[in-house]
Amino acid sequence: MVIAKSMEVRDNFKSWCVQVAEGEIVQIARPGNNYVYLISQETYEKLTAERRIAAYTSYLYGKDKITNLKRLSEIALLPDNWNNNGAEKIPATIIKTVRKLLMSLEFQPEVFPTACDAVQLEWENKNSEYLEMEVLEDSINVFQIASDGGEEQSTIAINDAAVKKIVRDFYDRAI
């Protein structure tokens, strides 16, 4: 790898391109400790498809969303009696509903299976307020604790827009 300043590359770009074509990687230093890399087509093609797909997926969905989708896939594989206390396998319909919610949410929750055949989503904002949603087959139980300690509990229909609004309002209160 060759390291260069942007002025050096600009003043003699053709010779730098020759080095890159010969397989050299050129790291160009930019102000603020930012770097630009010049690589050849051959070097680029050596990057594995899996790595590019993973990077692109991470870019599209973000690290937290990918982590949650993986966690949900693990929850989907839990067998009956997964908690050694008689809990049943989480129904596929709930897994599908939660996956759809996770894909639509701007703010990602913590994701947990429950012994009540449900998946629980939990958020905490910077005001130490708490929001919990228990996703059941036909509804969602919502529980909130405000910064003053007040509690609120409700049940809503499964509706992406309603869930997104509750989560958005929860984070808007912390601004």
Protein backbone atom coordinates (compact mmCIF):
# COMPACT_ATOMS: atom_id res chain seq x y z
CA MET A 1 0.00 0.00 0.00
CA VAL A 2 1.22 3.44 -0.92
CA ILE A 3 0.09 6.45 1.08
CA ALA A 4 -0.12 9.81 -0.64
CA LYS A 5 -1.42 13.29 -0.09
CA SER A 6 -4.23 14.41 -2.37
CA MET A 7 -2.00 17.10 -3.92
CA GLU A 8 0.58 14.48 -4.91
CA VAL A 9 -2.06 12.40 -6.66
CA ARG A 10 -3.61 15.42 -8.36
CA ASP A 11 -0.26 16.65 -9.71
CA ASN A 12 0.67 13.31 -11.30
CA PHE A 13 -2.56 11.33 -11.59
CA LYS A 14 -1.46 9.24 -14.59
CA SER A 15 1.54 7.71 -12.80
CA TRP A 16 -0.63 6.89 -9.78
CA CYS A 17 -3.15 5.17 -12.07
CA VAL A 18 -0.34 3.05 -13.54
CA GLN A 19 0.66 1.93 -10.02
CA VAL A 20 -2.97 1.05 -9.23
CA ALA A 21 -3.29 -0.89 -12.51
CA GLU A 22 -0.19 -2.87 -11.48
CA GLY A 23 -1.96 -3.96 -8.29
CA GLU A 24 -0.84 -1.30 -5.85
CA ILE A 25 -3.41 0.15 -3.45
CA VAL A 26 -3.12 3.90 -2.98
CA GLN A 27 -4.39 5.49 0.21
CA ILE A 28 -4.96 9.20 -0.26
CA ALA A 29 -4.89 11.29 2.90
CA ARG A 30 -7.59 13.94 3.09
CA PRO A 31 -8.15 16.71 5.65
CA GLY A 32 -9.66 15.59 8.93
CA ASN A 33 -8.03 12.13 8.84
CA ASN A 34 -10.33 10.98 6.04
CA TYR A 35 -8.92 8.70 3.38
CA VAL A 36 -9.74 7.77 -0.20
CA TYR A 37 -8.47 4.50 -1.64
CA LEU A 38 -7.61 3.80 -5.26
CA ILE A 39 -7.75 0.10 -6.13
CA SER A 40 -7.63 -1.80 -9.38
CA GLN A 41 -10.56 -3.64 -10.92
CA GLU A 42 -8.75 -6.91 -10.17
CA THR A 43 -8.34 -6.01 -6.49
CA TYR A 44 -11.97 -4.99 -6.31
CA GLU A 45 -13.09 -8.29 -7.83
CA LYS A 46 -11.10 -10.19 -5.21
CA LEU A 47 -13.54 -8.91 -2.60
CA THR A 48 -15.91 -11.78 -1.93
CA ALA A 49 -19.54 -11.54 -2.91
CA GLU A 50 -20.54 -12.49 0.62
CA ARG A 51 -18.54 -9.62 2.09
CA ARG A 52 -20.06 -7.13 -0.36
CA ILE A 53 -23.56 -8.41 0.34
CA ALA A 54 -23.00 -8.19 4.11
CA ALA A 55 -21.67 -4.64 3.79
CA TYR A 56 -24.55 -3.61 1.54
CA THR A 57 -27.11 -5.20 3.86
CA SER A 58 -25.56 -3.42 6.82
CA TYR A 59 -25.67 -0.14 4.90
CA LEU A 60 -29.33 -0.62 3.94
CA TYR A 61 -30.67 -1.85 7.25
CA GLY A 62 -28.17 -0.73 9.87
CA LYS A 63 -26.36 -2.82 12.43
CA ASP A 64 -29.14 -2.80 15.06
CA LYS A 65 -31.79 -3.96 12.60
CA ILE A 66 -29.58 -6.78 11.33
CA THR A 67 -28.82 -7.84 14.91
CA ASN A 68 -32.54 -7.88 15.72
CA LEU A 69 -33.43 -9.87 12.60
CA LYS A 70 -30.76 -12.45 13.51
CA ARG A 71 -32.06 -12.57 17.08
CA LEU A 72 -35.61 -13.08 15.79
CA SER A 73 -34.39 -15.94 13.60
CA GLU A 74 -32.87 -17.55 16.70
CA ILE A 75 -36.15 -17.08 18.59
CA ALA A 76 -38.01 -18.75 15.71
CA LEU A 77 -35.84 -21.84 16.20
CA LEU A 78 -36.61 -22.22 19.90
CA PRO A 79 -38.31 -25.59 20.55
CA ASP A 80 -41.17 -26.33 22.92
CA ASN A 81 -40.02 -26.04 26.54
CA TRP A 82 -37.20 -23.68 25.50
CA ASN A 83 -37.17 -22.15 28.99
CA ASN A 84 -37.31 -25.54 30.79
CA ASN A 85 -40.58 -24.41 32.31
CA GLY A 86 -43.07 -25.56 29.68
CA ALA A 87 -43.01 -22.55 27.33
CA GLU A 88 -44.21 -23.39 23.84
CA LYS A 89 -42.46 -22.57 20.59
CA ILE A 90 -43.22 -19.00 19.45
CA PRO A 91 -45.83 -19.21 16.66
CA ALA A 92 -44.61 -18.50 13.12
CA THR A 93 -47.34 -15.87 12.69
CA ILE A 94 -45.86 -13.84 15.55
CA ILE A 95 -42.34 -14.19 14.16
CA LYS A 96 -43.62 -12.91 10.79
CA THR A 97 -45.42 -9.96 12.43
CA VAL A 98 -42.36 -8.99 14.48
CA ARG A 99 -40.06 -9.27 11.44
CA LYS A 100 -42.35 -6.90 9.54
CA LEU A 101 -42.38 -4.46 12.48
CA LEU A 102 -38.60 -4.54 12.84
CA MET A 103 -38.18 -3.78 9.16
CA SER A 104 -40.46 -0.75 9.44
CA LEU A 105 -39.12 0.74 12.68
CA GLU A 106 -36.67 3.62 12.73
CA PHE A 107 -35.68 2.98 16.35
CA GLN A 108 -34.76 -0.63 17.02
CA PRO A 109 -35.79 -2.32 20.29
CA GLU A 110 -34.29 -5.10 22.34
CA VAL A 111 -36.03 -8.35 21.32
CA PHE A 112 -36.96 -11.21 23.67
CA PRO A 113 -39.13 -14.33 23.59
CA THR A 114 -41.70 -14.66 26.37
CA ALA A 115 -43.11 -17.71 28.09
CA CYS A 116 -46.58 -16.53 26.99
CA ASP A 117 -46.04 -17.49 23.31
CA ALA A 118 -45.14 -13.92 22.39
CA VAL A 119 -42.19 -11.72 21.46
CA GLN A 120 -41.42 -8.69 23.61
CA LEU A 121 -39.89 -5.49 22.23
CA GLU A 122 -38.30 -3.02 24.66
CA TRP A 123 -37.01 0.53 24.27
CA GLU A 124 -35.49 3.03 26.67
CA ASN A 125 -34.95 6.68 25.75
CA LYS A 126 -32.44 9.20 27.08
CA ASN A 127 -34.98 10.38 29.70
CA SER A 128 -34.91 6.85 31.18
CA GLU A 129 -38.48 6.31 30.02
CA TYR A 130 -39.41 2.74 29.16
CA LEU A 131 -41.59 1.33 26.39
CA GLU A 132 -42.52 -2.31 26.05
CA MET A 133 -44.63 -4.07 23.43
CA GLU A 134 -45.67 -7.68 23.74
CA VAL A 135 -46.58 -8.94 20.27
CA LEU A 136 -49.29 -11.59 20.41
CA GLU A 137 -51.04 -13.35 17.52
CA ASP A 138 -53.95 -10.91 17.32
CA SER A 139 -52.87 -7.81 19.27
CA ILE A 140 -50.02 -5.94 20.93
CA ASN A 141 -49.90 -5.15 24.64
CA VAL A 142 -48.21 -1.79 25.22
CA PHE A 143 -46.69 -0.76 28.55
CA GLN A 144 -44.94 2.56 29.22
CA ILE A 145 -43.21 4.12 32.19
CA ALA A 146 -42.77 7.91 31.99
CA SER A 147 -39.82 9.80 33.47
CA ASP A 148 -42.00 10.82 36.44
CA GLY A 149 -42.73 7.13 37.18
CA GLY A 150 -46.28 7.19 35.79
CA GLU A 151 -47.35 4.00 34.08
CA GLU A 152 -49.66 3.48 31.14
CA GLN A 153 -50.93 0.23 29.71
CA SER A 154 -53.03 -0.47 26.60
CA THR A 155 -53.75 -3.04 23.93
CA ILE A 156 -53.66 -2.14 20.26
CA ALA A 157 -54.40 -3.96 17.04
CA ILE A 158 -51.44 -5.17 15.01
CA ASN A 159 -50.78 -2.17 12.80
CA ASP A 160 -47.38 -1.00 11.55
CA ALA A 161 -48.39 2.66 11.44
CA ALA A 162 -49.75 2.62 15.00
CA VAL A 163 -46.60 0.95 16.35
CA LYS A 164 -44.34 3.37 14.48
CA LYS A 165 -46.33 6.33 15.89
CA ILE A 166 -46.06 5.06 19.48
CA VAL A 167 -42.30 4.53 19.12
CA ARG A 168 -41.79 7.90 17.39
CA ASP A 169 -43.81 9.71 20.10
CA PHE A 170 -41.78 7.89 22.77
CA TYR A 171 -38.51 9.20 21.32
CA ASP A 172 -39.93 12.65 20.55
CA ARG A 173 -40.67 13.13 24.27
CA ALA A 174 -36.96 12.70 24.96
CA ILE A 175 -35.92 15.61 22.73
